[in-house]
C-alpha atoms as a PDB file:
ATOM      1  CA  MET A   1      90.215  86.115 107.788  1.00  0.00           C
ATOM      2  CA  ARG A   2      88.798  89.033 109.471  1.00  0.00           C
ATOM      3  CA  LYS A   3      86.588  88.459 112.647  1.00  0.00           C
ATOM      4  CA  SER A   4      83.761  90.307 110.979  1.00  0.00           C
ATOM      5  CA  GLN A   5      83.655  87.097 108.279  1.00  0.00           C
ATOM      6  CA  ILE A   6      83.550  84.423 110.610  1.00  0.00           C
ATOM      7  CA  LYS A   7      79.866  83.028 110.996  1.00  0.00           C
ATOM      8  CA  LEU A   8      79.093  81.837 114.369  1.00  0.00           C
ATOM      9  CA  LYS A   9      76.723  78.610 114.953  1.00  0.00           C
ATOM     10  CA  ASP A  10      74.607  77.300 117.806  1.00  0.00           C
ATOM     11  CA  GLY A  11      76.607  74.739 120.118  1.00  0.00           C
ATOM     12  CA  SER A  12      80.018  75.923 118.703  1.00  0.00           C
ATOM     13  CA  SER A  13      82.804  76.684 121.021  1.00  0.00           C
ATOM     14  CA  TYR A  14      85.099  80.052 120.475  1.00  0.00           C
ATOM     15  CA  GLY A  15      88.406  79.808 123.208  1.00  0.00           C
ATOM     16  CA  VAL A  16      86.476  79.405 126.545  1.00  0.00           C
ATOM     17  CA  ILE A  17      82.847  80.662 125.094  1.00  0.00           C
ATOM     18  CA  THR A  18      80.587  77.972 124.269  1.00  0.00           C
ATOM     19  CA  LEU A  19      77.147  79.290 122.150  1.00  0.00           C
ATOM     20  CA  MET A  20      74.668  78.057 123.560  1.00  0.00           C
ATOM     21  CA  SER A  21      71.452  80.054 121.073  1.00  0.00           C
ATOM     22  CA  VAL A  22      70.130  83.087 119.926  1.00  0.00           C
ATOM     23  CA  ALA A  23      68.572  85.315 122.543  1.00  0.00           C
ATOM     24  CA  GLU A  24      65.175  86.270 121.763  1.00  0.00           C
ATOM     25  CA  GLU A  25      65.816  89.714 122.340  1.00  0.00           C
ATOM     26  CA  PRO A  26      68.370  91.434 120.601  1.00  0.00           C
ATOM     27  CA  SER A  27      70.670  94.545 122.129  1.00  0.00           C
ATOM     28  CA  SER A  28      69.487  98.028 122.024  1.00  0.00           C
ATOM     29  CA  ASN A  29      71.221  98.676 118.756  1.00  0.00           C
ATOM     30  CA  LYS A  30      69.598  95.521 117.230  1.00  0.00           C
ATOM     31  CA  VAL A  31      72.306  93.910 116.856  1.00  0.00           C
ATOM     32  CA  LYS A  32      71.890  89.882 117.577  1.00  0.00           C
ATOM     33  CA  LYS A  33      72.951  88.578 120.608  1.00  0.00           C
ATOM     34  CA  TRP A  34      73.712  84.700 121.740  1.00  0.00           C
ATOM     35  CA  ASN A  35      73.159  82.980 124.898  1.00  0.00           C
ATOM     36  CA  CYS A  36      76.656  81.789 126.016  1.00  0.00           C
ATOM     37  CA  LYS A  37      78.319  79.462 128.874  1.00  0.00           C
ATOM     38  CA  CYS A  38      81.549  80.328 130.161  1.00  0.00           C
ATOM     39  CA  LYS A  39      83.991  77.084 130.415  1.00  0.00           C
ATOM     40  CA  LYS A  40      86.151  78.755 132.659  1.00  0.00           C
ATOM     41  CA  CYS A  41      83.550  78.993 135.738  1.00  0.00           C
ATOM     42  CA  ASN A  42      80.081  77.547 134.068  1.00  0.00           C
ATOM     43  CA  LYS A  43      77.834  80.885 134.166  1.00  0.00           C
ATOM     44  CA  LEU A  44      75.535  81.776 131.229  1.00  0.00           C
ATOM     45  CA  PHE A  45      75.870  85.277 130.145  1.00  0.00           C
ATOM     46  CA  GLN A  46      75.206  87.270 126.824  1.00  0.00           C
ATOM     47  CA  TYR A  47      77.483  88.434 124.054  1.00  0.00           C
ATOM     48  CA  THR A  48      77.056  90.064 120.554  1.00  0.00           C
ATOM     49  CA  GLY A  49      79.193  88.121 118.309  1.00  0.00           C
ATOM     50  CA  SER A  50      81.642  90.662 118.100  1.00  0.00           C
ATOM     51  CA  GLN A  51      82.157  90.294 121.938  1.00  0.00           C
ATOM     52  CA  VAL A  52      82.582  86.376 121.595  1.00  0.00           C
ATOM     53  CA  LEU A  53      85.503  86.781 118.879  1.00  0.00           C
ATOM     54  CA  LYS A  54      86.716  89.711 121.333  1.00  0.00           C
ATOM     55  CA  TYR A  55      86.597  87.869 124.555  1.00  0.00           C
ATOM     56  CA  GLN A  56      87.308  84.228 123.279  1.00  0.00           C
ATOM     57  CA  THR A  57      90.184  83.945 125.414  1.00  0.00           C
ATOM     58  CA  VAL A  58      89.039  85.927 129.001  1.00  0.00           C
ATOM     59  CA  GLY A  59      85.488  84.413 128.989  1.00  0.00           C
ATOM     60  CA  CYS A  60      82.371  86.010 130.784  1.00  0.00           C
ATOM     61  CA  PRO A  61      82.305  89.486 132.241  1.00  0.00           C
ATOM     62  CA  ASP A  62      83.092  88.295 135.742  1.00  0.00           C
ATOM     63  CA  CYS A  63      85.802  86.134 134.394  1.00  0.00           C
ATOM     64  CA  ARG A  64      87.001  89.794 132.360  1.00  0.00           C
ATOM     65  CA  GLU A  65      86.380  91.641 136.039  1.00  0.00           C
ATOM     66  CA  LYS A  66      88.202  89.059 138.020  1.00  0.00           C
ATOM     67  CA  ILE A  67      91.297  89.372 135.269  1.00  0.00           C
ATOM     68  CA  LYS A  68      91.147  92.947 135.544  1.00  0.00           C
ATOM     69  CA  THR A  69      91.508  92.845 139.468  1.00  0.00           C
ATOM     70  CA  GLU A  70      94.287  90.091 139.577  1.00  0.00           C
ATOM     71  CA  GLN A  71      96.362  92.708 137.045  1.00  0.00           C
ATOM     72  CA  ARG A  72      95.538  96.105 138.696  1.00  0.00           C
ATOM     73  CA  ILE A  73      96.784  93.245 142.078  1.00  0.00           C
ATOM     74  CA  ILE A  74      99.833  92.481 140.303  1.00  0.00           C
ATOM     75  CA  LYS A  75     100.701  96.149 139.390  1.00  0.00           C
ATOM     76  CA  ALA A  76      99.929  97.590 142.819  1.00  0.00           C
ATOM     77  CA  ASN A  77     102.722  94.810 144.358  1.00  0.00           C
ATOM     78  CA  SER A  78     105.106  95.998 141.602  1.00  0.00           C
ATOM     79  CA  TYR A  79     106.112  98.447 143.934  1.00  0.00           C
ATOM     80  CA  SER A  80     106.700  96.124 146.868  1.00  0.00           C
ATOM     81  CA  ASP A  81     110.278  97.297 148.646  1.00  0.00           C
ATOM     82  CA  MET A  82     110.241 100.905 147.303  1.00  0.00           C
ATOM     83  CA  VAL A  83     110.748 104.001 149.090  1.00  0.00           C
ATOM     84  CA  PHE A  84     108.364 106.863 148.646  1.00  0.00           C
ATOM     85  CA  ASN A  85     109.808 109.694 150.939  1.00  0.00           C
ATOM     86  CA  ASN A  86     109.098 108.336 154.277  1.00  0.00           C
ATOM     87  CA  LEU A  87     107.069 105.420 153.404  1.00  0.00           C
ATOM     88  CA  LYS A  88     108.624 101.770 152.358  1.00  0.00           C
ATOM     89  CA  VAL A  89     105.823  99.611 150.209  1.00  0.00           C
ATOM     90  CA  ILE A  90     105.213  96.113 151.183  1.00  0.00           C
ATOM     91  CA  VAL A  91     102.203  94.440 149.580  1.00  0.00           C
ATOM     92  CA  PHE A  92      98.628  95.283 148.205  1.00  0.00           C
ATOM     93  CA  ASP A  93      96.357  94.924 150.787  1.00  0.00           C
ATOM     94  CA  HIS A  94      92.876  95.876 149.327  1.00  0.00           C
ATOM     95  CA  PHE A  95      90.898  97.953 147.280  1.00  0.00           C
ATOM     96  CA  ASP A  96      88.851 100.778 149.208  1.00  0.00           C
ATOM     97  CA  LYS A  97      85.475 102.315 148.757  1.00  0.00           C
ATOM     98  CA  LYS A  98      86.763 104.398 145.833  1.00  0.00           C
ATOM     99  CA  ASN A  99      88.199 101.034 144.199  1.00  0.00           C
ATOM    100  CA  MET A 100      91.538 102.068 144.371  1.00  0.00           C
ATOM    101  CA  PRO A 101      94.343  99.899 145.905  1.00  0.00           C
ATOM    102  CA  VAL A 102      95.557 100.152 149.226  1.00  0.00           C
ATOM    103  CA  VAL A 103      98.695  99.160 150.335  1.00  0.00           C
ATOM    104  CA  GLN A 104     100.731  97.858 153.686  1.00  0.00           C
ATOM    105  CA  CYS A 105     103.358 100.094 154.340  1.00  0.00           C
ATOM    106  CA  GLN A 106     106.270 101.040 156.821  1.00  0.00           C
ATOM    107  CA  CYS A 107     106.500 104.274 158.258  1.00  0.00           C
ATOM    108  CA  LEU A 108     110.231 104.771 157.946  1.00  0.00           C
ATOM    109  CA  LYS A 109     110.034 107.355 160.817  1.00  0.00           C
ATOM    110  CA  CYS A 110     108.691 105.354 163.544  1.00  0.00           C
ATOM    111  CA  GLY A 111     108.571 101.972 162.356  1.00  0.00           C
ATOM    112  CA  ALA A 112     104.887 101.356 162.201  1.00  0.00           C
ATOM    113  CA  ILE A 113     103.039  99.212 159.498  1.00  0.00           C
ATOM    114  CA  VAL A 114     100.278 101.144 157.947  1.00  0.00           C
ATOM    115  CA  LYS A 115      97.850 100.862 155.052  1.00  0.00           C
ATOM    116  CA  ILE A 116      97.763 103.871 152.763  1.00  0.00           C
ATOM    117  CA  SER A 117      95.974 104.376 149.309  1.00  0.00           C
ATOM    118  CA  LEU A 118      98.991 103.704 147.003  1.00  0.00           C
ATOM    119  CA  TYR A 119      97.626 106.847 145.147  1.00  0.00           C
ATOM    120  CA  LYS A 120      98.239 108.967 147.883  1.00  0.00           C
ATOM    121  CA  ILE A 121     102.035 107.519 148.158  1.00  0.00           C
ATOM    122  CA  LEU A 122     102.866 107.549 144.659  1.00  0.00           C
ATOM    123  CA  SER A 123     101.470 111.714 144.043  1.00  0.00           C
ATOM    124  CA  GLY A 124     103.235 112.416 147.272  1.00  0.00           C
ATOM    125  CA  GLU A 125     100.364 113.261 149.238  1.00  0.00           C
ATOM    126  CA  SER A 126     101.110 110.694 151.908  1.00  0.00           C
ATOM    127  CA  LYS A 127     104.830 111.129 153.107  1.00  0.00           C
ATOM    128  CA  GLN A 128     104.496 109.258 156.083  1.00  0.00           C
ATOM    129  CA  CYS A 129     102.309 107.244 159.129  1.00  0.00           C
ATOM    130  CA  PHE A 130      98.990 109.376 160.162  1.00  0.00           C
ATOM    131  CA  ASN A 131     101.080 109.630 163.459  1.00  0.00           C
ATOM    132  CA  CYS A 132     104.117 110.633 162.258  1.00  0.00           C
ATOM    133  CA  SER A 133     102.019 113.747 159.688  1.00  0.00           C
ATOM    134  CA  LYS A 134      99.612 114.681 163.290  1.00  0.00           C
ATOM    135  CA  LYS A 135     103.116 114.673 165.512  1.00  0.00           C
ATOM    136  CA  ASN A 136     104.811 117.258 162.904  1.00  0.00           C
ATOM    137  CA  LEU A 137     101.841 119.464 162.616  1.00  0.00           C
ATOM    138  CA  LYS A 138     101.662 119.687 166.005  1.00  0.00           C
ATOM    139  CA  ILE A 139     105.419 120.669 166.290  1.00  0.00           C
ATOM    140  CA  GLY A 140     104.784 122.741 163.315  1.00  0.00           C
ATOM    141  CA  LYS A 141     102.335 124.974 165.067  1.00  0.00           C
ATOM    142  CA  GLU A 142     104.588 125.300 167.897  1.00  0.00           C
ATOM    143  CA  ILE A 143     107.470 126.401 165.867  1.00  0.00           C
ATOM    144  CA  ILE A 144     104.957 129.042 164.358  1.00  0.00           C
ATOM    145  CA  SER A 145     103.840 130.284 167.585  1.00  0.00           C
ATOM    146  CA  LYS A 146     107.435 130.670 169.205  1.00  0.00           C
ATOM    147  CA  ALA A 147     109.082 132.164 165.780  1.00  0.00           C
ATOM    148  CA  PHE A 148     106.436 135.367 166.479  1.00  0.00           C
ATOM    149  CA  VAL A 149     107.901 137.658 168.076  1.00  0.00           C
ATOM    150  CA  ASP A 150     107.643 141.647 168.544  1.00  0.00           C
ATOM    151  CA  ASN A 151     104.731 141.778 165.779  1.00  0.00           C
ATOM    152  CA  THR A 152     107.445 139.757 163.273  1.00  0.00           C
ATOM    153  CA  SER A 153     107.468 136.626 161.900  1.00  0.00           C
ATOM    154  CA  ILE A 154     110.998 134.380 162.017  1.00  0.00           C
ATOM    155  CA  ILE A 155     109.987 132.187 159.569  1.00  0.00           C
ATOM    156  CA  ALA A 156     108.308 134.691 157.497  1.00  0.00           C
ATOM    157  CA  ILE A 157     111.225 137.326 157.143  1.00  0.00           C
ATOM    158  CA  ASP A 158     114.013 134.327 156.645  1.00  0.00           C
ATOM    159  CA  GLY A 159     112.011 133.077 153.880  1.00  0.00           C
ATOM    160  CA  ARG A 160     111.311 136.531 152.465  1.00  0.00           C
ATOM    161  CA  ARG A 161     115.459 137.223 151.672  1.00  0.00           C
ATOM    162  CA  LYS A 162     114.631 134.374 149.133  1.00  0.00           C
ATOM    163  CA  THR A 163     113.656 135.227 145.669  1.00  0.00           C
ATOM    164  CA  ASN A 164     110.030 135.480 144.721  1.00  0.00           C
ATOM    165  CA  LYS A 165     109.275 133.439 141.476  1.00  0.00           C
ATOM    166  CA  ASN A 166     105.747 135.312 141.424  1.00  0.00           C
ATOM    167  CA  SER A 167     107.512 138.912 141.057  1.00  0.00           C
ATOM    168  CA  THR A 168     107.634 140.833 137.429  1.00  0.00           C
ATOM    169  CA  THR A 169     111.082 141.755 138.056  1.00  0.00           C
ATOM    170  CA  LYS A 170     112.237 137.725 139.604  1.00  0.00           C
ATOM    171  CA  VAL A 171     113.549 140.061 142.328  1.00  0.00           C
ATOM    172  CA  THR A 172     111.852 140.338 146.033  1.00  0.00           C
ATOM    173  CA  GLY A 173     111.704 144.076 146.949  1.00  0.00           C
ATOM    174  CA  VAL A 174     112.034 145.297 143.829  1.00  0.00           C
ATOM    175  CA  SER A 175     109.095 146.612 141.343  1.00  0.00           C
ATOM    176  CA  TYR A 176     109.010 148.227 138.401  1.00  0.00           C
ATOM    177  CA  TYR A 177     107.361 151.312 138.319  1.00  0.00           C
ATOM    178  CA  ALA A 178     105.806 152.208 135.108  1.00  0.00           C
ATOM    179  CA  LYS A 179     104.817 155.948 135.331  1.00  0.00           C
ATOM    180  CA  TYR A 180     108.744 156.576 135.961  1.00  0.00           C
ATOM    181  CA  GLY A 181     110.173 153.928 134.434  1.00  0.00           C
ATOM    182  CA  LYS A 182     112.281 152.846 137.367  1.00  0.00           C
ATOM    183  CA  TYR A 183     112.713 150.196 139.687  1.00  0.00           C
ATOM    184  CA  ARG A 184     111.656 150.793 142.961  1.00  0.00           C
ATOM    185  CA  ALA A 185     112.756 149.134 146.023  1.00  0.00           C
ATOM    186  CA  TYR A 186     110.868 148.543 149.275  1.00  0.00           C
ATOM    187  CA  ILE A 187     111.406 146.205 152.166  1.00  0.00           C
ATOM    188  CA  ASN A 188     108.608 144.745 154.681  1.00  0.00           C
ATOM    189  CA  PHE A 189     109.297 144.880 158.267  1.00  0.00           C
ATOM    190  CA  GLN A 190     107.113 144.846 161.454  1.00  0.00           C
ATOM    191  CA  ARG A 191     104.226 145.002 159.211  1.00  0.00           C
ATOM    192  CA  LYS A 192     105.324 147.983 157.683  1.00  0.00           C
ATOM    193  CA  GLN A 193     106.448 148.793 154.215  1.00  0.00           C
ATOM    194  CA  TYR A 194     109.346 150.750 153.977  1.00  0.00           C
ATOM    195  CA  TYR A 195     110.493 152.912 150.482  1.00  0.00           C
ATOM    196  CA  LEU A 196     114.103 152.697 150.132  1.00  0.00           C
ATOM    197  CA  GLY A 197     114.089 154.678 146.759  1.00  0.00           C
ATOM    198  CA  LEU A 198     113.711 154.478 142.557  1.00  0.00           C
ATOM    199  CA  TYR A 199     116.801 153.217 140.711  1.00  0.00           C
ATOM    200  CA  GLU A 200     117.311 153.688 136.817  1.00  0.00           C
ATOM    201  CA  LYS A 201     118.810 150.099 136.968  1.00  0.00           C
ATOM    202  CA  ILE A 202     117.344 146.961 138.641  1.00  0.00           C
ATOM    203  CA  ASP A 203     120.790 146.126 140.017  1.00  0.00           C
ATOM    204  CA  ASP A 204     120.817 149.318 141.830  1.00  0.00           C
ATOM    205  CA  ALA A 205     117.730 148.453 143.543  1.00  0.00           C
ATOM    206  CA  LEU A 206     118.919 145.018 144.533  1.00  0.00           C
ATOM    207  CA  LYS A 207     121.771 146.635 146.040  1.00  0.00           C
ATOM    208  CA  ALA A 208     119.508 148.803 147.861  1.00  0.00           C
ATOM    209  CA  ARG A 209     117.288 145.976 148.979  1.00  0.00           C
ATOM    210  CA  LYS A 210     119.950 144.120 149.726  1.00  0.00           C
ATOM    211  CA  SER A 211     121.729 146.747 152.211  1.00  0.00           C
ATOM    212  CA  ALA A 212     118.304 146.763 153.955  1.00  0.00           C
ATOM    213  CA  GLU A 213     117.769 143.148 154.483  1.00  0.00           C
ATOM    214  CA  GLU A 214     121.490 143.133 156.007  1.00  0.00           C
ATOM    215  CA  ASN A 215     120.744 146.052 158.179  1.00  0.00           C
ATOM    216  CA  ILE A 216     117.248 144.774 159.367  1.00  0.00           C
ATOM    217  CA  TYR A 217     116.390 141.136 158.819  1.00  0.00           C
ATOM    218  CA  GLY A 218     120.046 140.144 159.398  1.00  0.00           C
ATOM    219  CA  ASN A 219     120.385 142.271 162.640  1.00  0.00           C
ATOM    220  CA  PHE A 220     116.913 141.128 163.868  1.00  0.00           C
ATOM    221  CA  LEU A 221     117.278 137.361 162.995  1.00  0.00           C
ATOM    222  CA  LYS A 222     121.231 137.699 164.967  1.00  0.00           C
ATOM    223  CA  TRP A 223     119.330 138.776 168.008  1.00  0.00           C
ATOM    224  CA  TYR A 224     116.467 136.300 167.574  1.00  0.00           C
ATOM    225  CA  GLN A 225     119.355 133.384 166.934  1.00  0.00           C
ATOM    226  CA  ASP A 226     121.580 134.584 169.924  1.00  0.00           C
ATOM    227  CA  THR A 227     118.125 135.188 172.112  1.00  0.00           C
ATOM    228  CA  TYR A 228     116.436 131.599 171.491  1.00  0.00           C
ATOM    229  CA  PRO A 229     118.844 129.391 170.006  1.00  0.00           C
ATOM    230  CA  GLU A 230     117.335 125.902 170.598  1.00  0.00           C
ATOM    231  CA  GLU A 231     114.448 127.359 168.484  1.00  0.00           C
ATOM    232  CA  TRP A 232     116.400 128.600 165.688  1.00  0.00           C
ATOM    233  CA  LYS A 233     117.912 125.629 165.092  1.00  0.00           C
ATOM    234  CA  ARG A 234     114.571 124.348 165.179  1.00  0.00           C
ATOM    235  CA  ILE A 235     112.829 126.795 162.397  1.00  0.00           C
ATOM    236  CA  LYS A 236     116.075 126.265 160.207  1.00  0.00           C
ATOM    237  CA  MET A 237     115.206 122.065 160.387  1.00  0.00           C
ATOM    238  CA  LYS A 238     111.650 122.527 159.417  1.00  0.00           C
ATOM    239  CA  THR A 239     111.970 125.189 156.727  1.00  0.00           C
ATOM    240  CA  LYS A 240     114.677 123.319 154.986  1.00  0.00           C
END
């Protein structure tokens, strides 16, 4: 029998819901409402007939919300003992002001037990505890300041030797010159751009760029590596 064919009666029980009487005022869409009592918590509340049948196994709105909360806690605890970056989830702790689950977790870098939003852990926004993040930020700033020599950023030129994925040619330092139908090669160094010529083939432009990298970037990076070996190691570790 379909639910729409069931005729509700005063005093009848449907699961954990007991119908007390018909409510004096119907719902906003003029559907009949019932005064009900929840057998699970003994609270009085109102439901429409369809709600009585739909929620007869869970009960009143408060009991429904309680079940939903319990299910969210179970879901949060399903991540217990899992490791995300440098954080190991331990157990659910509480819901924050935005009603998002917060879990206790251990920072594997320092061993501290901290409380972090589960969403931030799963999304990768939080990869370690606050103190370790703060320490890394400080170290990063120190590295960047020490890696800037003679108007040149060591980190920047070392990174520019890799292919820029936003390049139209997919090759760093090579662009297509539509006016002449050729490929233009160039290189930036110490806040200046150096023109390396126009080429019919992209491979020739790439060779010119690579040659300039070895002669300019390569020599400069070699000098920095020999002059500041400890700083070079820290830069390479930071930019991996």
